[in-house]
Amino acid sequence: MLAVDRRGHGRSDVPEGGYTAKQHAADIAEVARKEKIRNAIVVGHAGGGPSTLEFARSYPQYARAVVMVDAQGLAQGEDW
């Protein structure tokens, strides 16, 4: 199991920008690529829901399934 802190959360760096679901998804994809992860079951919890859905949509080669826990589908002001 691998747990990833989104940028600006937990132990991750706090850059000045890039706090969108698309950027978070790209960050997660980079971790998946470096760790050679394929067919993961990706869990989005609470505010991580939009990033999780964007990750699965944009990088299907890494995600086999998505589980949403107490999460919404889109962040306010974002669209697909």
N, C-alpha and C. Protein backbone atom coordinates (compact mmCIF):
# COMPACT_ATOMS: atom_id res chain seq x y z
N MET A 1 0.85 -1.18 0.00
CA MET A 1 0.00 0.00 0.00
C MET A 1 0.89 1.24 0.00
N LEU A 2 0.44 2.25 -0.70
CA LEU A 2 1.16 3.52 -0.79
C LEU A 2 0.16 4.64 -0.55
N ALA A 3 0.49 5.53 0.37
CA ALA A 3 -0.36 6.70 0.64
C ALA A 3 0.39 7.94 0.18
N VAL A 4 -0.30 8.79 -0.57
CA VAL A 4 0.32 10.00 -1.12
C VAL A 4 -0.35 11.22 -0.53
N ASP A 5 0.44 12.15 0.00
CA ASP A 5 -0.09 13.43 0.43
C ASP A 5 -0.16 14.34 -0.79
N ARG A 6 -1.30 14.96 -1.02
CA ARG A 6 -1.39 15.93 -2.12
C ARG A 6 -0.50 17.13 -1.80
N ARG A 7 -0.05 17.82 -2.85
CA ARG A 7 0.82 18.98 -2.63
C ARG A 7 0.15 19.96 -1.67
N GLY A 8 0.94 20.44 -0.72
CA GLY A 8 0.43 21.37 0.27
C GLY A 8 -0.28 20.72 1.45
N HIS A 9 -0.35 19.39 1.47
CA HIS A 9 -1.03 18.67 2.55
C HIS A 9 -0.03 17.71 3.20
N GLY A 10 -0.25 17.42 4.45
CA GLY A 10 0.58 16.44 5.15
C GLY A 10 2.05 16.81 5.11
N ARG A 11 2.89 15.88 4.65
CA ARG A 11 4.34 16.09 4.62
C ARG A 11 4.85 16.55 3.25
N SER A 12 3.95 16.85 2.33
CA SER A 12 4.39 17.26 0.99
C SER A 12 4.87 18.71 1.00
N ASP A 13 5.57 19.08 -0.07
CA ASP A 13 6.01 20.46 -0.23
C ASP A 13 4.80 21.39 -0.35
N VAL A 14 5.02 22.66 -0.11
CA VAL A 14 3.96 23.66 -0.19
C VAL A 14 4.35 24.70 -1.25
N PRO A 15 4.19 24.35 -2.54
CA PRO A 15 4.52 25.33 -3.58
C PRO A 15 3.46 26.43 -3.63
N GLU A 16 3.79 27.51 -4.33
CA GLU A 16 2.85 28.64 -4.42
C GLU A 16 1.65 28.36 -5.30
N GLY A 17 1.76 27.44 -6.24
CA GLY A 17 0.65 27.19 -7.15
C GLY A 17 0.47 25.72 -7.44
N GLY A 18 -0.53 25.44 -8.29
CA GLY A 18 -0.76 24.07 -8.72
C GLY A 18 -1.74 23.29 -7.87
N TYR A 19 -2.66 23.97 -7.23
CA TYR A 19 -3.60 23.30 -6.33
C TYR A 19 -4.93 22.98 -7.02
N THR A 20 -4.85 22.39 -8.20
CA THR A 20 -6.06 21.97 -8.91
C THR A 20 -6.10 20.46 -8.95
N ALA A 21 -7.28 19.93 -9.24
CA ALA A 21 -7.40 18.47 -9.35
C ALA A 21 -6.50 17.94 -10.47
N LYS A 22 -6.38 18.69 -11.56
CA LYS A 22 -5.52 18.25 -12.67
C LYS A 22 -4.06 18.19 -12.25
N GLN A 23 -3.59 19.17 -11.51
CA GLN A 23 -2.19 19.15 -11.07
C GLN A 23 -1.97 18.06 -10.04
N HIS A 24 -2.91 17.90 -9.11
CA HIS A 24 -2.77 16.82 -8.12
C HIS A 24 -2.74 15.46 -8.82
N ALA A 25 -3.57 15.29 -9.83
CA ALA A 25 -3.59 14.03 -10.59
C ALA A 25 -2.25 13.80 -11.28
N ALA A 26 -1.68 14.85 -11.85
CA ALA A 26 -0.38 14.73 -12.49
C ALA A 26 0.70 14.37 -11.47
N ASP A 27 0.62 14.95 -10.29
CA ASP A 27 1.57 14.62 -9.23
C ASP A 27 1.47 13.14 -8.84
N ILE A 28 0.24 12.66 -8.69
CA ILE A 28 0.02 11.26 -8.33
C ILE A 28 0.51 10.34 -9.45
N ALA A 29 0.27 10.73 -10.69
CA ALA A 29 0.74 9.92 -11.82
C ALA A 29 2.25 9.83 -11.84
N GLU A 30 2.92 10.90 -11.48
CA GLU A 30 4.39 10.87 -11.43
C GLU A 30 4.87 9.90 -10.36
N VAL A 31 4.22 9.87 -9.22
CA VAL A 31 4.57 8.90 -8.17
C VAL A 31 4.32 7.48 -8.68
N ALA A 32 3.17 7.26 -9.32
CA ALA A 32 2.84 5.93 -9.85
C ALA A 32 3.87 5.49 -10.89
N ARG A 33 4.28 6.42 -11.75
CA ARG A 33 5.28 6.10 -12.77
C ARG A 33 6.61 5.71 -12.13
N LYS A 34 7.07 6.52 -11.18
CA LYS A 34 8.35 6.25 -10.53
C LYS A 34 8.34 4.95 -9.73
N GLU A 35 7.19 4.63 -9.15
CA GLU A 35 7.07 3.41 -8.34
C GLU A 35 6.66 2.19 -9.18
N LYS A 36 6.48 2.43 -10.49
CA LYS A 36 6.08 1.35 -11.42
C LYS A 36 4.77 0.69 -11.00
N ILE A 37 3.83 1.52 -10.61
CA ILE A 37 2.52 1.04 -10.18
C ILE A 37 1.60 0.92 -11.39
N ARG A 38 0.91 -0.18 -11.49
CA ARG A 38 -0.09 -0.41 -12.53
C ARG A 38 -1.30 -1.07 -11.88
N ASN A 39 -2.48 -0.81 -12.42
CA ASN A 39 -3.70 -1.47 -11.96
C ASN A 39 -3.99 -1.26 -10.48
N ALA A 40 -3.77 -0.07 -9.99
CA ALA A 40 -4.01 0.24 -8.58
C ALA A 40 -5.49 0.45 -8.31
N ILE A 41 -5.89 0.15 -7.11
CA ILE A 41 -7.21 0.55 -6.62
C ILE A 41 -6.97 1.87 -5.90
N VAL A 42 -7.52 2.94 -6.45
CA VAL A 42 -7.24 4.29 -5.98
C VAL A 42 -8.38 4.75 -5.09
N VAL A 43 -8.04 5.23 -3.90
CA VAL A 43 -9.05 5.67 -2.93
C VAL A 43 -8.97 7.18 -2.77
N GLY A 44 -10.10 7.84 -2.97
CA GLY A 44 -10.19 9.27 -2.74
C GLY A 44 -11.05 9.53 -1.52
N HIS A 45 -10.50 10.25 -0.57
CA HIS A 45 -11.22 10.54 0.67
C HIS A 45 -11.46 12.05 0.78
N ALA A 46 -12.67 12.41 1.12
CA ALA A 46 -13.07 13.80 1.38
C ALA A 46 -12.61 14.72 0.25
N GLY A 47 -11.79 15.73 0.54
CA GLY A 47 -11.35 16.70 -0.45
C GLY A 47 -10.48 16.13 -1.54
N GLY A 48 -10.00 14.91 -1.37
CA GLY A 48 -9.19 14.27 -2.41
C GLY A 48 -10.01 13.64 -3.52
N GLY A 49 -11.32 13.66 -3.40
CA GLY A 49 -12.19 13.05 -4.41
C GLY A 49 -11.98 13.57 -5.82
N PRO A 50 -11.99 14.89 -6.03
CA PRO A 50 -11.81 15.39 -7.38
C PRO A 50 -10.46 14.99 -7.99
N SER A 51 -9.41 15.02 -7.20
CA SER A 51 -8.09 14.62 -7.70
C SER A 51 -8.06 13.14 -8.06
N THR A 52 -8.73 12.34 -7.27
CA THR A 52 -8.79 10.90 -7.52
C THR A 52 -9.52 10.61 -8.83
N LEU A 53 -10.65 11.26 -9.04
CA LEU A 53 -11.40 11.05 -10.27
C LEU A 53 -10.62 11.56 -11.49
N GLU A 54 -9.96 12.69 -11.34
CA GLU A 54 -9.15 13.23 -12.43
C GLU A 54 -7.98 12.30 -12.74
N PHE A 55 -7.37 11.74 -11.72
CA PHE A 55 -6.27 10.80 -11.91
C PHE A 55 -6.75 9.58 -12.70
N ALA A 56 -7.86 9.01 -12.31
CA ALA A 56 -8.38 7.81 -12.99
C ALA A 56 -8.78 8.13 -14.42
N ARG A 57 -9.32 9.32 -14.67
CA ARG A 57 -9.75 9.72 -16.01
C ARG A 57 -8.55 10.01 -16.91
N SER A 58 -7.56 10.72 -16.39
CA SER A 58 -6.43 11.14 -17.20
C SER A 58 -5.32 10.11 -17.33
N TYR A 59 -5.23 9.20 -16.37
CA TYR A 59 -4.14 8.22 -16.34
C TYR A 59 -4.70 6.82 -16.09
N PRO A 60 -5.55 6.33 -16.99
CA PRO A 60 -6.20 5.03 -16.77
C PRO A 60 -5.22 3.86 -16.73
N GLN A 61 -4.02 4.03 -17.25
CA GLN A 61 -3.03 2.96 -17.21
C GLN A 61 -2.58 2.64 -15.78
N TYR A 62 -2.85 3.54 -14.84
CA TYR A 62 -2.42 3.31 -13.45
C TYR A 62 -3.57 2.84 -12.55
N ALA A 63 -4.80 3.14 -12.92
CA ALA A 63 -5.93 2.88 -12.02
C ALA A 63 -6.83 1.76 -12.55
N ARG A 64 -6.99 0.73 -11.75
CA ARG A 64 -7.90 -0.37 -12.11
C ARG A 64 -9.30 -0.07 -11.59
N ALA A 65 -9.38 0.55 -10.43
CA ALA A 65 -10.67 0.86 -9.81
C ALA A 65 -10.53 2.09 -8.94
N VAL A 66 -11.66 2.74 -8.68
CA VAL A 66 -11.70 3.92 -7.83
C VAL A 66 -12.69 3.68 -6.70
N VAL A 67 -12.29 4.06 -5.51
CA VAL A 67 -13.17 4.01 -4.34
C VAL A 67 -13.25 5.44 -3.80
N MET A 68 -14.48 5.93 -3.64
CA MET A 68 -14.67 7.27 -3.09
C MET A 68 -15.26 7.13 -1.69
N VAL A 69 -14.65 7.81 -0.73
CA VAL A 69 -15.10 7.76 0.66
C VAL A 69 -15.40 9.18 1.13
N ASP A 70 -16.67 9.45 1.40
CA ASP A 70 -17.07 10.76 1.91
C ASP A 70 -16.49 11.88 1.05
N ALA A 71 -16.61 11.75 -0.28
CA ALA A 71 -15.99 12.69 -1.20
C ALA A 71 -17.00 13.19 -2.22
N GLN A 72 -16.73 14.39 -2.72
CA GLN A 72 -17.55 14.94 -3.81
C GLN A 72 -16.84 14.67 -5.13
N GLY A 73 -17.56 14.84 -6.21
CA GLY A 73 -17.01 14.54 -7.52
C GLY A 73 -16.13 15.62 -8.10
N LEU A 74 -16.51 16.88 -7.98
CA LEU A 74 -15.74 17.97 -8.55
C LEU A 74 -15.47 19.04 -7.50
N ALA A 75 -14.30 19.65 -7.60
CA ALA A 75 -14.00 20.78 -6.74
C ALA A 75 -14.78 21.98 -7.24
N GLN A 76 -15.13 22.87 -6.36
CA GLN A 76 -15.88 24.05 -6.75
C GLN A 76 -15.11 24.83 -7.81
N GLY A 77 -15.77 25.17 -8.90
CA GLY A 77 -15.17 25.94 -9.96
C GLY A 77 -14.39 25.13 -10.98
N GLU A 78 -14.30 23.82 -10.80
CA GLU A 78 -13.57 22.99 -11.75
C GLU A 78 -14.56 22.22 -12.61
N ASP A 79 -14.12 21.92 -13.83
CA ASP A 79 -14.93 21.10 -14.71
C ASP A 79 -14.03 20.18 -15.49
N TRP A 80 -14.65 19.23 -16.18
CA TRP A 80 -13.88 18.30 -17.01
C TRP A 80 -14.13 18.68 -18.42
